[in-house]
Amino acid sequence: MPEIKEDSIYLNFIEQAFELADAIPRYFSKYSNKIFCNKQKIVLLVLKQKLRTTYRDLIEFLKISKISILIGLKRIPHHTTLVKFAKKIKLNLLNLLLPEKKANKVAIDYSGFEIESKSYYYRKRFFMLSKRRNFMRTALLVDLDKQLILGSVINYKQGNDNTEFIKLLKNLKVNYVLADKGYDSRANRKFVFDKIQAIPQIPFRSISGRDGFVNRTASYFFDQEIYNQRSKVETVFSSIKRKYGSNLRSKKYSTQRVEVICKIIAYNVDRLITLYKLLTRGFQQSLK
């Protein structure tokens, strides 16, 4: 792996990750040994996804690069320090690192992350495919204009579309909510209209009726051109899996969920850097 230079993408990534990590407490307990703060540990967990590496390899990378200086580490931690931290960290704490739920248009969709590194042939050969679920279901709420992830629901078992829908949209300030036919229900449209006072862009299934005030209103306000932007959420999933991997290395359910959210945070950090560069470039061109 390369040394960290002043113009390195890793330097920008770490700076942005540190900025997001300001939202979390410095230590969980006043009795902490205070050798490594929570901000440093979370940045390392997110950097691990950026590098697509293991805990051990991440620590080895710290020994030969200048990242430890950038993060302000007093010494190089043992890899078990990060493993233990990942086990006890809560998802609601990591969710503080996500942007405020405020946007013009948002979309909801779900995908899966594989939880086994074994090959498809091996699993099929030994009849493992039919015995256990081999992916972590992840539903995302995405700001379509900035392509930032605003929220997530992560489950090992098959989730309920309507439950995920309402959970993701709570406390949301938005004008349009886009979702595919899997979220087609009168209750979902009513929730969007009444609770968050937005316009649902959810197509009807062939078996769905359009009777009732809510469905007739939703049908009237449905705009195919706006709905077509829903494909951006699939682009976000594709980008996460391509850049940070579609497999989860962790063995336990709790740490697998932490690994998924760290991938999401890593994606947001990279996306914020890209948005900042686009904004700076546009400002410089306006001055010419």
C-alpha atoms as a PDB file:
ATOM      1  CA  MET A   1       0.000   0.000   0.000  1.00  0.00           C
ATOM      2  CA  PRO A   2       1.271   3.541  -0.761  1.00  0.00           C
ATOM      3  CA  GLU A   3       2.562   6.092   1.721  1.00  0.00           C
ATOM      4  CA  ILE A   4       0.116   8.887   2.569  1.00  0.00           C
ATOM      5  CA  LYS A   5       0.991  12.104   0.732  1.00  0.00           C
ATOM      6  CA  GLU A   6      -0.374  15.587   1.384  1.00  0.00           C
ATOM      7  CA  ASP A   7      -2.690  15.409  -1.646  1.00  0.00           C
ATOM      8  CA  SER A   8      -3.700  11.802  -0.990  1.00  0.00           C
ATOM      9  CA  ILE A   9      -7.326  10.712  -1.271  1.00  0.00           C
ATOM     10  CA  TYR A  10      -6.850   9.043   2.114  1.00  0.00           C
ATOM     11  CA  LEU A  11      -5.978  12.362   3.738  1.00  0.00           C
ATOM     12  CA  ASN A  12      -9.181  13.937   2.417  1.00  0.00           C
ATOM     13  CA  PHE A  13     -11.137  10.848   3.458  1.00  0.00           C
ATOM     14  CA  ILE A  14      -9.783  10.908   7.029  1.00  0.00           C
ATOM     15  CA  GLU A  15     -10.394  14.657   7.414  1.00  0.00           C
ATOM     16  CA  GLN A  16     -14.012  14.296   6.275  1.00  0.00           C
ATOM     17  CA  ALA A  17     -14.548  11.215   8.450  1.00  0.00           C
ATOM     18  CA  PHE A  18     -13.215  13.088  11.492  1.00  0.00           C
ATOM     19  CA  GLU A  19     -15.623  15.932  10.770  1.00  0.00           C
ATOM     20  CA  LEU A  20     -18.578  13.551  10.745  1.00  0.00           C
ATOM     21  CA  ALA A  21     -17.345  11.792  13.903  1.00  0.00           C
ATOM     22  CA  ASP A  22     -17.672  15.013  15.924  1.00  0.00           C
ATOM     23  CA  ALA A  23     -21.291  14.002  16.559  1.00  0.00           C
ATOM     24  CA  ILE A  24     -20.353  11.089  18.851  1.00  0.00           C
ATOM     25  CA  PRO A  25     -19.105  11.203  22.472  1.00  0.00           C
ATOM     26  CA  ARG A  26     -15.344  11.117  22.961  1.00  0.00           C
ATOM     27  CA  TYR A  27     -15.495   8.192  25.410  1.00  0.00           C
ATOM     28  CA  PHE A  28     -18.247   5.784  26.484  1.00  0.00           C
ATOM     29  CA  SER A  29     -17.216   5.848  30.140  1.00  0.00           C
ATOM     30  CA  LYS A  30     -15.339   8.170  32.466  1.00  0.00           C
ATOM     31  CA  TYR A  31     -13.321   5.101  33.504  1.00  0.00           C
ATOM     32  CA  SER A  32     -11.933   4.597  29.994  1.00  0.00           C
ATOM     33  CA  ASN A  33      -8.147   4.322  29.783  1.00  0.00           C
ATOM     34  CA  LYS A  34      -8.318   7.200  27.255  1.00  0.00           C
ATOM     35  CA  ILE A  35      -5.546   5.786  25.070  1.00  0.00           C
ATOM     36  CA  PHE A  36      -7.789   5.789  21.980  1.00  0.00           C
ATOM     37  CA  CYS A  37     -10.958   7.895  21.740  1.00  0.00           C
ATOM     38  CA  ASN A  38     -14.184   6.765  20.052  1.00  0.00           C
ATOM     39  CA  LYS A  39     -13.635   9.155  17.173  1.00  0.00           C
ATOM     40  CA  GLN A  40     -10.277   7.566  16.320  1.00  0.00           C
ATOM     41  CA  LYS A  41     -11.713   4.046  16.508  1.00  0.00           C
ATOM     42  CA  ILE A  42     -14.700   4.849  14.312  1.00  0.00           C
ATOM     43  CA  VAL A  43     -12.508   6.544  11.725  1.00  0.00           C
ATOM     44  CA  LEU A  44     -10.346   3.401  11.651  1.00  0.00           C
ATOM     45  CA  LEU A  45     -13.425   1.170  11.219  1.00  0.00           C
ATOM     46  CA  VAL A  46     -14.632   3.308   8.313  1.00  0.00           C
ATOM     47  CA  LEU A  47     -11.110   3.433   6.832  1.00  0.00           C
ATOM     48  CA  LYS A  48     -11.051  -0.366   7.001  1.00  0.00           C
ATOM     49  CA  GLN A  49     -13.999  -0.416   4.572  1.00  0.00           C
ATOM     50  CA  LYS A  50     -12.321   2.169   2.363  1.00  0.00           C
ATOM     51  CA  LEU A  51      -9.205  -0.021   2.114  1.00  0.00           C
ATOM     52  CA  ARG A  52     -11.282  -3.250   1.848  1.00  0.00           C
ATOM     53  CA  THR A  53      -8.952  -4.980   4.257  1.00  0.00           C
ATOM     54  CA  THR A  54      -8.972  -6.987   7.502  1.00  0.00           C
ATOM     55  CA  TYR A  55      -8.344  -5.736  11.041  1.00  0.00           C
ATOM     56  CA  ARG A  56      -4.865  -7.248  11.073  1.00  0.00           C
ATOM     57  CA  ASP A  57      -3.903  -5.794   7.693  1.00  0.00           C
ATOM     58  CA  LEU A  58      -5.248  -2.380   8.693  1.00  0.00           C
ATOM     59  CA  ILE A  59      -2.974  -2.328  11.719  1.00  0.00           C
ATOM     60  CA  GLU A  60      -0.005  -3.369   9.585  1.00  0.00           C
ATOM     61  CA  PHE A  61      -0.864  -0.540   7.195  1.00  0.00           C
ATOM     62  CA  LEU A  62      -0.821   1.934  10.090  1.00  0.00           C
ATOM     63  CA  LYS A  63       2.711   0.824  10.954  1.00  0.00           C
ATOM     64  CA  ILE A  64       4.116   1.698   7.523  1.00  0.00           C
ATOM     65  CA  SER A  65       2.079   4.827   6.709  1.00  0.00           C
ATOM     66  CA  LYS A  66       1.539   8.280   8.171  1.00  0.00           C
ATOM     67  CA  ILE A  67      -2.142   7.660   8.884  1.00  0.00           C
ATOM     68  CA  SER A  68      -1.488   7.133  12.614  1.00  0.00           C
ATOM     69  CA  ILE A  69      -0.098  10.684  12.778  1.00  0.00           C
ATOM     70  CA  LEU A  70      -3.079  12.120  10.899  1.00  0.00           C
ATOM     71  CA  ILE A  71      -5.515  10.374  13.235  1.00  0.00           C
ATOM     72  CA  GLY A  72      -3.534  11.489  16.292  1.00  0.00           C
ATOM     73  CA  LEU A  73      -2.819   8.024  17.681  1.00  0.00           C
ATOM     74  CA  LYS A  74      -0.455   7.920  20.643  1.00  0.00           C
ATOM     75  CA  ARG A  75       0.519   4.422  19.594  1.00  0.00           C
ATOM     76  CA  ILE A  76      -0.573   1.762  17.119  1.00  0.00           C
ATOM     77  CA  PRO A  77      -3.543  -0.188  18.557  1.00  0.00           C
ATOM     78  CA  HIS A  78      -3.721  -3.954  18.563  1.00  0.00           C
ATOM     79  CA  HIS A  79      -6.226  -5.311  16.074  1.00  0.00           C
ATOM     80  CA  THR A  80      -8.320  -6.789  18.909  1.00  0.00           C
ATOM     81  CA  THR A  81      -8.934  -3.249  20.188  1.00  0.00           C
ATOM     82  CA  LEU A  82     -10.937  -2.496  17.061  1.00  0.00           C
ATOM     83  CA  VAL A  83     -12.618  -5.903  17.115  1.00  0.00           C
ATOM     84  CA  LYS A  84     -13.855  -5.366  20.686  1.00  0.00           C
ATOM     85  CA  PHE A  85     -14.969  -1.824  19.875  1.00  0.00           C
ATOM     86  CA  ALA A  86     -16.968  -3.042  16.839  1.00  0.00           C
ATOM     87  CA  LYS A  87     -18.715  -5.625  19.040  1.00  0.00           C
ATOM     88  CA  LYS A  88     -19.949  -3.151  21.631  1.00  0.00           C
ATOM     89  CA  ILE A  89     -20.798  -0.182  19.424  1.00  0.00           C
ATOM     90  CA  LYS A  90     -24.502   0.460  18.794  1.00  0.00           C
ATOM     91  CA  LEU A  91     -26.070   1.228  15.426  1.00  0.00           C
ATOM     92  CA  ASN A  92     -27.933   4.244  16.785  1.00  0.00           C
ATOM     93  CA  LEU A  93     -24.556   5.771  17.655  1.00  0.00           C
ATOM     94  CA  LEU A  94     -23.236   5.201  14.135  1.00  0.00           C
ATOM     95  CA  ASN A  95     -26.446   6.660  12.716  1.00  0.00           C
ATOM     96  CA  LEU A  96     -25.391   9.996  14.225  1.00  0.00           C
ATOM     97  CA  LEU A  97     -22.738  10.113  11.506  1.00  0.00           C
ATOM     98  CA  LEU A  98     -25.408  10.171   8.774  1.00  0.00           C
ATOM     99  CA  PRO A  99     -26.645  13.516   7.361  1.00  0.00           C
ATOM    100  CA  GLU A 100     -29.779  15.267   8.582  1.00  0.00           C
ATOM    101  CA  LYS A 101     -32.990  13.810   7.146  1.00  0.00           C
ATOM    102  CA  LYS A 102     -33.759  16.770   4.910  1.00  0.00           C
ATOM    103  CA  ALA A 103     -33.957  16.751   1.103  1.00  0.00           C
ATOM    104  CA  ASN A 104     -36.102  17.578  -1.911  1.00  0.00           C
ATOM    105  CA  LYS A 105     -36.494  14.051  -3.300  1.00  0.00           C
ATOM    106  CA  VAL A 106     -35.649  10.787  -1.547  1.00  0.00           C
ATOM    107  CA  ALA A 107     -35.898   7.155  -2.637  1.00  0.00           C
ATOM    108  CA  ILE A 108     -36.153   3.898  -0.708  1.00  0.00           C
ATOM    109  CA  ASP A 109     -34.885   0.532  -1.889  1.00  0.00           C
ATOM    110  CA  TYR A 110     -33.133  -2.526  -0.510  1.00  0.00           C
ATOM    111  CA  SER A 111     -30.402  -4.934  -1.469  1.00  0.00           C
ATOM    112  CA  GLY A 112     -28.251  -7.575   0.226  1.00  0.00           C
ATOM    113  CA  PHE A 113     -24.647  -8.036   1.349  1.00  0.00           C
ATOM    114  CA  GLU A 114     -23.241 -11.561   1.337  1.00  0.00           C
ATOM    115  CA  ILE A 115     -22.239 -12.820   4.765  1.00  0.00           C
ATOM    116  CA  GLU A 116     -20.026 -15.702   3.624  1.00  0.00           C
ATOM    117  CA  SER A 117     -16.791 -15.674   1.698  1.00  0.00           C
ATOM    118  CA  LYS A 118     -17.207 -19.285   0.592  1.00  0.00           C
ATOM    119  CA  SER A 119     -17.628 -19.773  -3.122  1.00  0.00           C
ATOM    120  CA  TYR A 120     -21.041 -20.337  -4.666  1.00  0.00           C
ATOM    121  CA  TYR A 121     -19.898 -23.792  -5.885  1.00  0.00           C
ATOM    122  CA  TYR A 122     -18.800 -24.852  -2.386  1.00  0.00           C
ATOM    123  CA  ARG A 123     -22.061 -23.767  -0.776  1.00  0.00           C
ATOM    124  CA  LYS A 124     -24.159 -25.422  -3.462  1.00  0.00           C
ATOM    125  CA  ARG A 125     -22.062 -28.580  -3.439  1.00  0.00           C
ATOM    126  CA  PHE A 126     -22.585 -29.082   0.279  1.00  0.00           C
ATOM    127  CA  PHE A 127     -26.261 -28.050   0.289  1.00  0.00           C
ATOM    128  CA  MET A 128     -25.713 -24.868   2.254  1.00  0.00           C
ATOM    129  CA  LEU A 129     -27.773 -22.606   0.017  1.00  0.00           C
ATOM    130  CA  SER A 130     -31.102 -24.124   1.016  1.00  0.00           C
ATOM    131  CA  LYS A 131     -30.302 -24.323   4.730  1.00  0.00           C
ATOM    132  CA  ARG A 132     -29.422 -20.760   5.602  1.00  0.00           C
ATOM    133  CA  ARG A 133     -29.775 -17.227   4.362  1.00  0.00           C
ATOM    134  CA  ASN A 134     -26.480 -15.958   2.999  1.00  0.00           C
ATOM    135  CA  PHE A 135     -27.046 -12.221   2.855  1.00  0.00           C
ATOM    136  CA  MET A 136     -27.769  -9.228   5.091  1.00  0.00           C
ATOM    137  CA  ARG A 137     -30.853  -7.351   3.887  1.00  0.00           C
ATOM    138  CA  THR A 138     -30.232  -3.594   3.841  1.00  0.00           C
ATOM    139  CA  ALA A 139     -32.827  -0.911   3.067  1.00  0.00           C
ATOM    140  CA  LEU A 140     -31.530   2.605   2.313  1.00  0.00           C
ATOM    141  CA  LEU A 141     -33.029   6.082   2.259  1.00  0.00           C
ATOM    142  CA  VAL A 142     -31.152   8.144  -0.351  1.00  0.00           C
ATOM    143  CA  ASP A 143     -31.163  11.860  -1.127  1.00  0.00           C
ATOM    144  CA  LEU A 144     -31.498  11.757  -4.925  1.00  0.00           C
ATOM    145  CA  ASP A 145     -30.082  15.233  -5.585  1.00  0.00           C
ATOM    146  CA  LYS A 146     -26.859  14.751  -3.599  1.00  0.00           C
ATOM    147  CA  GLN A 147     -26.869  10.926  -3.719  1.00  0.00           C
ATOM    148  CA  LEU A 148     -26.154  10.785   0.014  1.00  0.00           C
ATOM    149  CA  ILE A 149     -27.524   8.070   2.301  1.00  0.00           C
ATOM    150  CA  LEU A 150     -29.791   9.551   4.987  1.00  0.00           C
ATOM    151  CA  GLY A 151     -30.843   6.364   6.769  1.00  0.00           C
ATOM    152  CA  SER A 152     -30.754   2.578   6.775  1.00  0.00           C
ATOM    153  CA  VAL A 153     -32.547  -0.474   8.145  1.00  0.00           C
ATOM    154  CA  ILE A 154     -30.379  -3.608   8.392  1.00  0.00           C
ATOM    155  CA  ASN A 155     -31.853  -7.063   9.060  1.00  0.00           C
ATOM    156  CA  TYR A 156     -30.645 -10.631   8.774  1.00  0.00           C
ATOM    157  CA  LYS A 157     -34.169 -11.952   8.282  1.00  0.00           C
ATOM    158  CA  GLN A 158     -36.466 -10.987   5.441  1.00  0.00           C
ATOM    159  CA  GLY A 159     -37.859  -7.595   6.416  1.00  0.00           C
ATOM    160  CA  ASN A 160     -41.325  -6.163   6.055  1.00  0.00           C
ATOM    161  CA  ASP A 161     -41.394  -3.503   3.343  1.00  0.00           C
ATOM    162  CA  ASN A 162     -44.039  -1.398   5.093  1.00  0.00           C
ATOM    163  CA  THR A 163     -42.250  -1.478   8.474  1.00  0.00           C
ATOM    164  CA  GLU A 164     -38.942  -0.446   6.878  1.00  0.00           C
ATOM    165  CA  PHE A 165     -40.722   2.270   4.893  1.00  0.00           C
ATOM    166  CA  ILE A 166     -42.183   3.978   7.954  1.00  0.00           C
ATOM    167  CA  LYS A 167     -39.012   3.550  10.035  1.00  0.00           C
ATOM    168  CA  LEU A 168     -36.855   5.195   7.364  1.00  0.00           C
ATOM    169  CA  LEU A 169     -39.212   8.116   6.815  1.00  0.00           C
ATOM    170  CA  LYS A 170     -39.679   9.124  10.453  1.00  0.00           C
ATOM    171  CA  ASN A 171     -38.675  12.755  11.183  1.00  0.00           C
ATOM    172  CA  LEU A 172     -38.052  13.364   7.478  1.00  0.00           C
ATOM    173  CA  LYS A 173     -38.364  16.776   5.803  1.00  0.00           C
ATOM    174  CA  VAL A 174     -38.873  16.168   2.106  1.00  0.00           C
ATOM    175  CA  ASN A 175     -41.070  17.042  -0.873  1.00  0.00           C
ATOM    176  CA  TYR A 176     -41.148  13.729  -2.787  1.00  0.00           C
ATOM    177  CA  VAL A 177     -40.800  10.105  -1.674  1.00  0.00           C
ATOM    178  CA  LEU A 178     -39.954   7.548  -4.378  1.00  0.00           C
ATOM    179  CA  ALA A 179     -40.273   3.787  -4.011  1.00  0.00           C
ATOM    180  CA  ASP A 180     -40.973   0.796  -6.255  1.00  0.00           C
ATOM    181  CA  LYS A 181     -44.113  -1.359  -6.389  1.00  0.00           C
ATOM    182  CA  GLY A 182     -42.942  -3.395  -3.414  1.00  0.00           C
ATOM    183  CA  TYR A 183     -44.003  -0.470  -1.216  1.00  0.00           C
ATOM    184  CA  ASP A 184     -47.395  -0.100  -2.925  1.00  0.00           C
ATOM    185  CA  SER A 185     -50.018   0.267  -0.179  1.00  0.00           C
ATOM    186  CA  ARG A 186     -52.630   2.755   0.870  1.00  0.00           C
ATOM    187  CA  ALA A 187     -51.084   2.925   4.357  1.00  0.00           C
ATOM    188  CA  ASN A 188     -47.682   3.952   2.956  1.00  0.00           C
ATOM    189  CA  ARG A 189     -49.167   6.670   0.771  1.00  0.00           C
ATOM    190  CA  LYS A 190     -51.300   7.946   3.631  1.00  0.00           C
ATOM    191  CA  PHE A 191     -48.222   8.061   5.881  1.00  0.00           C
ATOM    192  CA  VAL A 192     -46.352  10.167   3.300  1.00  0.00           C
ATOM    193  CA  PHE A 193     -49.297  12.523   2.781  1.00  0.00           C
ATOM    194  CA  ASP A 194     -50.295  12.965   6.442  1.00  0.00           C
ATOM    195  CA  LYS A 195     -47.203  12.429   8.584  1.00  0.00           C
ATOM    196  CA  ILE A 196     -44.390  13.973   6.556  1.00  0.00           C
ATOM    197  CA  GLN A 197     -46.589  16.064   4.228  1.00  0.00           C
ATOM    198  CA  ALA A 198     -44.838  15.005   1.039  1.00  0.00           C
ATOM    199  CA  ILE A 199     -45.958  13.566  -2.294  1.00  0.00           C
ATOM    200  CA  PRO A 200     -45.534   9.793  -2.749  1.00  0.00           C
ATOM    201  CA  GLN A 201     -44.200   8.600  -6.091  1.00  0.00           C
ATOM    202  CA  ILE A 202     -45.069   4.909  -5.747  1.00  0.00           C
ATOM    203  CA  PRO A 203     -46.509   3.090  -8.793  1.00  0.00           C
ATOM    204  CA  PHE A 204     -49.571   0.871  -8.403  1.00  0.00           C
ATOM    205  CA  ARG A 205     -49.392  -2.864  -8.956  1.00  0.00           C
ATOM    206  CA  SER A 206     -51.767  -4.404 -11.469  1.00  0.00           C
ATOM    207  CA  ILE A 207     -53.781  -5.972  -8.628  1.00  0.00           C
ATOM    208  CA  SER A 208     -53.988  -2.737  -6.623  1.00  0.00           C
ATOM    209  CA  GLY A 209     -57.166  -0.705  -6.598  1.00  0.00           C
ATOM    210  CA  ARG A 210     -57.223   3.056  -7.034  1.00  0.00           C
ATOM    211  CA  ASP A 211     -60.352   3.636  -4.971  1.00  0.00           C
ATOM    212  CA  GLY A 212     -60.424   5.930  -1.976  1.00  0.00           C
ATOM    213  CA  PHE A 213     -59.305   9.508  -1.509  1.00  0.00           C
ATOM    214  CA  VAL A 214     -55.631   8.641  -0.756  1.00  0.00           C
ATOM    215  CA  ASN A 215     -55.099   6.401  -3.794  1.00  0.00           C
ATOM    216  CA  ARG A 216     -56.949   8.723  -6.165  1.00  0.00           C
ATOM    217  CA  THR A 217     -54.877  11.678  -4.948  1.00  0.00           C
ATOM    218  CA  ALA A 218     -51.642   9.707  -5.241  1.00  0.00           C
ATOM    219  CA  SER A 219     -52.567   8.628  -8.758  1.00  0.00           C
ATOM    220  CA  TYR A 220     -53.228  12.259  -9.723  1.00  0.00           C
ATOM    221  CA  PHE A 221     -49.858  13.485  -8.397  1.00  0.00           C
ATOM    222  CA  PHE A 222     -47.820  10.578  -9.761  1.00  0.00           C
ATOM    223  CA  ASP A 223     -45.148  11.881 -12.174  1.00  0.00           C
ATOM    224  CA  GLN A 224     -43.286   9.301 -14.254  1.00  0.00           C
ATOM    225  CA  GLU A 225     -40.401  11.686 -14.956  1.00  0.00           C
ATOM    226  CA  ILE A 226     -39.790  12.179 -11.220  1.00  0.00           C
ATOM    227  CA  TYR A 227     -40.206   8.471 -10.510  1.00  0.00           C
ATOM    228  CA  ASN A 228     -37.543   7.589 -13.101  1.00  0.00           C
ATOM    229  CA  GLN A 229     -34.950   9.176 -10.804  1.00  0.00           C
ATOM    230  CA  ARG A 230     -35.442   6.250  -8.407  1.00  0.00           C
ATOM    231  CA  SER A 231     -32.751   4.391 -10.350  1.00  0.00           C
ATOM    232  CA  LYS A 232     -30.166   6.562  -8.563  1.00  0.00           C
ATOM    233  CA  VAL A 233     -30.652   4.538  -5.384  1.00  0.00           C
ATOM    234  CA  GLU A 234     -29.615   1.419  -7.314  1.00  0.00           C
ATOM    235  CA  THR A 235     -26.545   3.338  -8.472  1.00  0.00           C
ATOM    236  CA  VAL A 236     -25.713   4.038  -4.826  1.00  0.00           C
ATOM    237  CA  PHE A 237     -25.937   0.333  -3.930  1.00  0.00           C
ATOM    238  CA  SER A 238     -23.756  -0.543  -6.920  1.00  0.00           C
ATOM    239  CA  SER A 239     -21.168   2.051  -5.892  1.00  0.00           C
ATOM    240  CA  ILE A 240     -21.010   0.770  -2.290  1.00  0.00           C
ATOM    241  CA  LYS A 241     -20.509  -2.839  -3.359  1.00  0.00           C
ATOM    242  CA  ARG A 242     -17.974  -1.947  -6.033  1.00  0.00           C
ATOM    243  CA  LYS A 243     -15.852   0.340  -3.839  1.00  0.00           C
ATOM    244  CA  TYR A 244     -16.136  -1.298  -0.425  1.00  0.00           C
ATOM    245  CA  GLY A 245     -17.078  -4.875  -1.247  1.00  0.00           C
ATOM    246  CA  SER A 246     -20.334  -6.847  -1.269  1.00  0.00           C
ATOM    247  CA  ASN A 247     -19.097  -9.465   1.241  1.00  0.00           C
ATOM    248  CA  LEU A 248     -19.121  -9.087   5.026  1.00  0.00           C
ATOM    249  CA  ARG A 249     -16.042 -10.444   6.802  1.00  0.00           C
ATOM    250  CA  SER A 250     -17.531 -10.405  10.317  1.00  0.00           C
ATOM    251  CA  LYS A 251     -18.853 -13.626  11.823  1.00  0.00           C
ATOM    252  CA  LYS A 252     -21.482 -12.368  14.276  1.00  0.00           C
ATOM    253  CA  TYR A 253     -24.760 -10.675  13.458  1.00  0.00           C
ATOM    254  CA  SER A 254     -24.033  -7.579  15.576  1.00  0.00           C
ATOM    255  CA  THR A 255     -20.654  -6.904  13.971  1.00  0.00           C
ATOM    256  CA  GLN A 256     -22.018  -7.653  10.496  1.00  0.00           C
ATOM    257  CA  ARG A 257     -24.540  -4.841  10.976  1.00  0.00           C
ATOM    258  CA  VAL A 258     -21.750  -2.520  12.142  1.00  0.00           C
ATOM    259  CA  GLU A 259     -19.738  -3.487   9.055  1.00  0.00           C
ATOM    260  CA  VAL A 260     -22.642  -2.584   6.757  1.00  0.00           C
ATOM    261  CA  ILE A 261     -23.166   0.813   8.401  1.00  0.00           C
ATOM    262  CA  CYS A 262     -19.417   1.490   8.167  1.00  0.00           C
ATOM    263  CA  LYS A 263     -19.619   0.834   4.422  1.00  0.00           C
ATOM    264  CA  ILE A 264     -22.489   3.321   4.259  1.00  0.00           C
ATOM    265  CA  ILE A 265     -20.502   5.949   6.186  1.00  0.00           C
ATOM    266  CA  ALA A 266     -17.442   5.348   3.987  1.00  0.00           C
ATOM    267  CA  TYR A 267     -19.616   5.902   0.919  1.00  0.00           C
ATOM    268  CA  ASN A 268     -21.017   9.146   2.362  1.00  0.00           C
ATOM    269  CA  VAL A 269     -17.533  10.406   3.217  1.00  0.00           C
ATOM    270  CA  ASP A 270     -16.335   9.835  -0.350  1.00  0.00           C
ATOM    271  CA  ARG A 271     -19.524  11.375  -1.732  1.00  0.00           C
ATOM    272  CA  LEU A 272     -19.148  14.506   0.434  1.00  0.00           C
ATOM    273  CA  ILE A 273     -15.590  14.922  -0.845  1.00  0.00           C
ATOM    274  CA  THR A 274     -16.854  14.650  -4.436  1.00  0.00           C
ATOM    275  CA  LEU A 275     -19.633  17.191  -3.804  1.00  0.00           C
ATOM    276  CA  TYR A 276     -17.147  19.600  -2.242  1.00  0.00           C
ATOM    277  CA  LYS A 277     -14.844  19.315  -5.257  1.00  0.00           C
ATOM    278  CA  LEU A 278     -17.752  19.913  -7.654  1.00  0.00           C
ATOM    279  CA  LEU A 279     -18.840  22.955  -5.648  1.00  0.00           C
ATOM    280  CA  THR A 280     -15.297  24.354  -5.536  1.00  0.00           C
ATOM    281  CA  ARG A 281     -14.820  23.769  -9.284  1.00  0.00           C
ATOM    282  CA  GLY A 282     -18.111  25.504 -10.060  1.00  0.00           C
ATOM    283  CA  PHE A 283     -17.173  28.468  -7.842  1.00  0.00           C
ATOM    284  CA  GLN A 284     -13.768  28.833  -9.528  1.00  0.00           C
ATOM    285  CA  GLN A 285     -15.337  28.749 -12.987  1.00  0.00           C
ATOM    286  CA  SER A 286     -17.837  31.441 -11.982  1.00  0.00           C
ATOM    287  CA  LEU A 287     -14.944  33.740 -11.049  1.00  0.00           C
ATOM    288  CA  LYS A 288     -13.345  33.460 -14.496  1.00  0.00           C
END
